[in-house]
Amino acid sequence: MIKQDLNFFEYFAQAQLEVLTDRERQIVELRYGLTGSKPLTLASISEVFNISRERIRQLLNRAFRKIRSKGQRQIKANAIDASCAELII
C-alpha cells in the first residue's frame, strides 16, 4: 500500500537512513546500483571494502533483516505509514 507520491526506491532510501549503518548502506547501494551506477558483484564490492565476498553477502543479509525487522515493529505499533513498514506491506 505504497502511496502514489512515493515509489519503492524512495521508501527504501528512507528506510536505509533510519536503520542501516553507513557501511551497510554503501554496500546495498553498490550491490544494486542505487546511486545511478551499474550494480557491482560481491567480488567487486569486497575489493572496495577489503573484506571477503562472503562477508559482503552476510552484511547484505543483515541489512535487509534490519529493515524487515523494523518494518514488522512499526506494523505492530500501528505505524503502517512509516517507511520500513511500507516496504513490507
Foldseek 3Di string as FASTA:
>chain_A
DDDPVDDLLRLVVQLCVVWPDPVLVVLVCQQPVSVVDHRDQLVVVCVVVVHDSVVSVVSPVVSVVRLQVVLVVCVVVVVCVHSSVVNVD
